[in-house]
C-alpha atoms as a PDB file:
ATOM      1  CA  MET A   1     116.112  91.316  97.119  1.00  0.00           C
ATOM      2  CA  GLU A   2     114.774  94.692  96.084  1.00  0.00           C
ATOM      3  CA  TRP A   3     113.404  96.457  93.041  1.00  0.00           C
ATOM      4  CA  THR A   4     111.996  99.846  92.119  1.00  0.00           C
ATOM      5  CA  ILE A   5     108.638 100.532  90.536  1.00  0.00           C
ATOM      6  CA  THR A   6     107.889 103.790  88.785  1.00  0.00           C
ATOM      7  CA  GLY A   7     104.109 103.646  88.757  1.00  0.00           C
ATOM      8  CA  ILE A   8     100.983 101.821  89.806  1.00  0.00           C
ATOM      9  CA  ASN A   9     100.924  99.936  86.508  1.00  0.00           C
ATOM     10  CA  GLU A  10     103.934  97.911  87.727  1.00  0.00           C
ATOM     11  CA  LEU A  11     102.181  96.573  90.834  1.00  0.00           C
ATOM     12  CA  GLU A  12     100.799  93.512  89.048  1.00  0.00           C
ATOM     13  CA  ASP A  13     104.298  92.406  88.042  1.00  0.00           C
ATOM     14  CA  SER A  14     105.509  93.128  91.566  1.00  0.00           C
ATOM     15  CA  ALA A  15     102.734  90.955  93.011  1.00  0.00           C
ATOM     16  CA  ARG A  16     103.728  88.068  90.721  1.00  0.00           C
ATOM     17  CA  LYS A  17     107.353  88.505  91.720  1.00  0.00           C
ATOM     18  CA  LEU A  18     106.475  88.540  95.431  1.00  0.00           C
ATOM     19  CA  LEU A  19     104.440  85.352  95.195  1.00  0.00           C
ATOM     20  CA  MET A  20     107.270  83.655  93.328  1.00  0.00           C
ATOM     21  CA  GLN A  21     109.842  84.787  95.915  1.00  0.00           C
ATOM     22  CA  ALA A  22     107.556  83.720  98.779  1.00  0.00           C
ATOM     23  CA  GLY A  23     107.518  80.119  97.621  1.00  0.00           C
ATOM     24  CA  GLU A  24     105.725  78.114 100.317  1.00  0.00           C
ATOM     25  CA  ARG A  25     105.605  81.047 102.758  1.00  0.00           C
ATOM     26  CA  LYS A  26     102.087  82.385 103.149  1.00  0.00           C
ATOM     27  CA  VAL A  27     102.437  85.048 105.851  1.00  0.00           C
ATOM     28  CA  MET A  28     103.673  88.368 104.529  1.00  0.00           C
ATOM     29  CA  ALA A  29     104.266  91.430 106.702  1.00  0.00           C
ATOM     30  CA  PHE A  30     104.176  94.816 104.956  1.00  0.00           C
ATOM     31  CA  SER A  31     105.751  97.956 106.365  1.00  0.00           C
ATOM     32  CA  GLY A  32     106.069 101.454 104.987  1.00  0.00           C
ATOM     33  CA  GLU A  33     104.776 104.874 105.794  1.00  0.00           C
ATOM     34  CA  ILE A  34     101.163 105.889 105.227  1.00  0.00           C
ATOM     35  CA  GLY A  35     100.578 106.210 101.503  1.00  0.00           C
ATOM     36  CA  ALA A  36     103.514 104.002 100.518  1.00  0.00           C
ATOM     37  CA  GLY A  37     101.255 101.563  98.694  1.00  0.00           C
ATOM     38  CA  LYS A  38     100.857  98.613 101.069  1.00  0.00           C
ATOM     39  CA  THR A  39      97.146  98.184 100.392  1.00  0.00           C
ATOM     40  CA  SER A  40      97.581  98.679  96.642  1.00  0.00           C
ATOM     41  CA  LEU A  41     100.187  95.933  96.489  1.00  0.00           C
ATOM     42  CA  ILE A  42      98.036  93.616  98.620  1.00  0.00           C
ATOM     43  CA  GLN A  43      95.125  94.254  96.239  1.00  0.00           C
ATOM     44  CA  ARG A  44      97.296  93.001  93.357  1.00  0.00           C
ATOM     45  CA  LEU A  45      98.437  89.987  95.380  1.00  0.00           C
ATOM     46  CA  CYS A  46      94.815  89.070  96.029  1.00  0.00           C
ATOM     47  CA  GLN A  47      94.033  89.421  92.316  1.00  0.00           C
ATOM     48  CA  GLN A  48      96.929  87.077  91.524  1.00  0.00           C
ATOM     49  CA  LEU A  49      95.387  84.558  93.931  1.00  0.00           C
ATOM     50  CA  GLY A  50      92.021  84.793  92.186  1.00  0.00           C
ATOM     51  CA  VAL A  51      90.148  87.026  94.614  1.00  0.00           C
ATOM     52  CA  GLU A  52      87.375  88.654  92.604  1.00  0.00           C
ATOM     53  CA  GLU A  53      85.722  90.766  95.285  1.00  0.00           C
ATOM     54  CA  LYS A  54      86.861  94.285  96.086  1.00  0.00           C
ATOM     55  CA  VAL A  55      89.936  94.298  98.332  1.00  0.00           C
ATOM     56  CA  THR A  56      89.995  97.201 100.782  1.00  0.00           C
ATOM     57  CA  SER A  57      92.086  98.065 103.795  1.00  0.00           C
ATOM     58  CA  PRO A  58      90.586  96.606 106.969  1.00  0.00           C
ATOM     59  CA  THR A  59      91.700  99.578 109.075  1.00  0.00           C
ATOM     60  CA  PHE A  60      88.580  99.610 111.238  1.00  0.00           C
ATOM     61  CA  ALA A  61      87.588  95.941 111.012  1.00  0.00           C
ATOM     62  CA  LEU A  62      91.233  94.863 111.575  1.00  0.00           C
ATOM     63  CA  ALA A  63      90.748  91.802 109.344  1.00  0.00           C
ATOM     64  CA  ASN A  64      89.110  91.097 105.997  1.00  0.00           C
ATOM     65  CA  VAL A  65      88.641  87.588 104.687  1.00  0.00           C
ATOM     66  CA  TYR A  66      88.399  86.998 100.949  1.00  0.00           C
ATOM     67  CA  ALA A  67      87.747  83.848  98.942  1.00  0.00           C
ATOM     68  CA  SER A  68      90.170  82.949  96.165  1.00  0.00           C
ATOM     69  CA  SER A  69      89.019  81.344  92.916  1.00  0.00           C
ATOM     70  CA  SER A  70      90.044  77.973  94.381  1.00  0.00           C
ATOM     71  CA  GLY A  71      87.769  78.577  97.379  1.00  0.00           C
ATOM     72  CA  GLU A  72      90.607  79.119  99.845  1.00  0.00           C
ATOM     73  CA  GLU A  73      90.477  81.995 102.298  1.00  0.00           C
ATOM     74  CA  VAL A  74      92.910  84.897 101.981  1.00  0.00           C
ATOM     75  CA  PHE A  75      93.390  87.082 105.055  1.00  0.00           C
ATOM     76  CA  HIS A  76      94.207  90.801 104.991  1.00  0.00           C
ATOM     77  CA  LEU A  77      95.018  92.387 108.349  1.00  0.00           C
ATOM     78  CA  ASP A  78      95.622  96.034 109.169  1.00  0.00           C
ATOM     79  CA  LEU A  79      97.017  96.350 112.690  1.00  0.00           C
ATOM     80  CA  TYR A  80      97.582 100.114 112.688  1.00  0.00           C
ATOM     81  CA  ARG A  81      95.069 100.677 115.499  1.00  0.00           C
ATOM     82  CA  LEU A  82      96.307  97.915 117.830  1.00  0.00           C
ATOM     83  CA  LYS A  83      98.126  99.098 120.923  1.00  0.00           C
ATOM     84  CA  ASP A  84      99.791  95.862 122.004  1.00  0.00           C
ATOM     85  CA  THR A  85     100.162  92.126 121.524  1.00  0.00           C
ATOM     86  CA  GLN A  86      97.332  91.353 123.944  1.00  0.00           C
ATOM     87  CA  GLU A  87      94.831  93.159 121.725  1.00  0.00           C
ATOM     88  CA  ALA A  88      96.024  91.005 118.821  1.00  0.00           C
ATOM     89  CA  LEU A  89      95.606  87.840 120.883  1.00  0.00           C
ATOM     90  CA  ASP A  90      92.135  88.984 121.955  1.00  0.00           C
ATOM     91  CA  MET A  91      91.107  89.309 118.284  1.00  0.00           C
ATOM     92  CA  GLY A  92      92.277  85.741 117.598  1.00  0.00           C
ATOM     93  CA  ILE A  93      95.370  86.684 115.584  1.00  0.00           C
ATOM     94  CA  GLU A  94      96.831  83.185 115.863  1.00  0.00           C
ATOM     95  CA  GLU A  95      94.022  81.773 113.703  1.00  0.00           C
ATOM     96  CA  TYR A  96      95.132  84.069 110.884  1.00  0.00           C
ATOM     97  CA  LEU A  97      98.863  83.463 111.293  1.00  0.00           C
ATOM     98  CA  TYR A  98      99.108  79.721 111.769  1.00  0.00           C
ATOM     99  CA  GLY A  99      97.045  78.120 109.052  1.00  0.00           C
ATOM    100  CA  ASP A 100      97.815  77.147 105.521  1.00  0.00           C
ATOM    101  CA  ARG A 101      96.255  80.280 104.049  1.00  0.00           C
ATOM    102  CA  TYR A 102      97.698  83.488 102.741  1.00  0.00           C
ATOM    103  CA  CYS A 103      97.830  86.232 105.348  1.00  0.00           C
ATOM    104  CA  PHE A 104      98.868  89.746 104.326  1.00  0.00           C
ATOM    105  CA  ILE A 105      99.561  92.050 107.280  1.00  0.00           C
ATOM    106  CA  GLU A 106      99.871  95.828 107.233  1.00  0.00           C
ATOM    107  CA  TRP A 107     101.580  97.471 110.241  1.00  0.00           C
ATOM    108  CA  PRO A 108     102.928  94.196 111.710  1.00  0.00           C
ATOM    109  CA  ALA A 109     105.340  95.697 114.275  1.00  0.00           C
ATOM    110  CA  VAL A 110     102.887  95.330 117.172  1.00  0.00           C
ATOM    111  CA  ILE A 111     102.781  91.522 116.714  1.00  0.00           C
ATOM    112  CA  GLU A 112     106.316  90.873 115.531  1.00  0.00           C
ATOM    113  CA  GLU A 113     107.012  88.324 118.272  1.00  0.00           C
ATOM    114  CA  LEU A 114     103.900  86.349 117.239  1.00  0.00           C
ATOM    115  CA  LEU A 115     104.773  86.069 113.558  1.00  0.00           C
ATOM    116  CA  PRO A 116     105.820  82.664 112.190  1.00  0.00           C
ATOM    117  CA  ALA A 117     109.560  82.202 111.728  1.00  0.00           C
ATOM    118  CA  ASP A 118     109.196  81.972 107.950  1.00  0.00           C
ATOM    119  CA  THR A 119     107.263  85.238 107.565  1.00  0.00           C
ATOM    120  CA  LEU A 120     108.258  87.219 104.477  1.00  0.00           C
ATOM    121  CA  TYR A 121     108.865  90.850 105.408  1.00  0.00           C
ATOM    122  CA  ILE A 122     108.250  93.452 102.707  1.00  0.00           C
ATOM    123  CA  ARG A 123     109.186  97.107 103.145  1.00  0.00           C
ATOM    124  CA  ILE A 124     107.855  99.681 100.700  1.00  0.00           C
ATOM    125  CA  GLU A 125     109.825 102.919 100.562  1.00  0.00           C
ATOM    126  CA  LEU A 126     108.674 106.140  98.939  1.00  0.00           C
ATOM    127  CA  ILE A 127     111.413 107.429  96.690  1.00  0.00           C
ATOM    128  CA  GLU A 128     109.842 110.315  94.777  1.00  0.00           C
ATOM    129  CA  ASN A 129     106.545 111.022  93.022  1.00  0.00           C
ATOM    130  CA  SER A 130     105.094 107.607  92.217  1.00  0.00           C
ATOM    131  CA  HIS A 131     108.410 105.753  92.551  1.00  0.00           C
ATOM    132  CA  ARG A 132     108.637 103.076  95.209  1.00  0.00           C
ATOM    133  CA  LYS A 133     111.338 100.700  96.308  1.00  0.00           C
ATOM    134  CA  ILE A 134     110.147  97.245  97.358  1.00  0.00           C
ATOM    135  CA  VAL A 135     112.553  95.455  99.675  1.00  0.00           C
ATOM    136  CA  LEU A 136     112.204  91.832 100.762  1.00  0.00           C
ATOM    137  CA  LEU A 137     113.762  91.203 104.154  1.00  0.00           C
END
């Protein structure tokens, strides 16, 4: 499945659509070049889940944990700085991946072999200006 958005104002609808398409799957892996909008889309996903605090990219912390309105934890990982799978294991990545909580992962390639089989892969492609193509794999 794929769709095109023409501006940031369409991210909320895209987040709703992603959650609907995900069904019971809670681990989502986001790829796309720098500036494609991974963090912006994850911010909207967190809003849809009732996260009220500010959602920011955990580039330096590697992981941010937010509380949803129902009190459940929502994980946001940014693995851009990881060099290999061992670094991910050292940070306790399995705790984030194998629970019954939402886990949104930016730059997942370094841990691809660790991801659950039912992970939803989302690729965001820059088309032109503020146009993006969102592809579910």
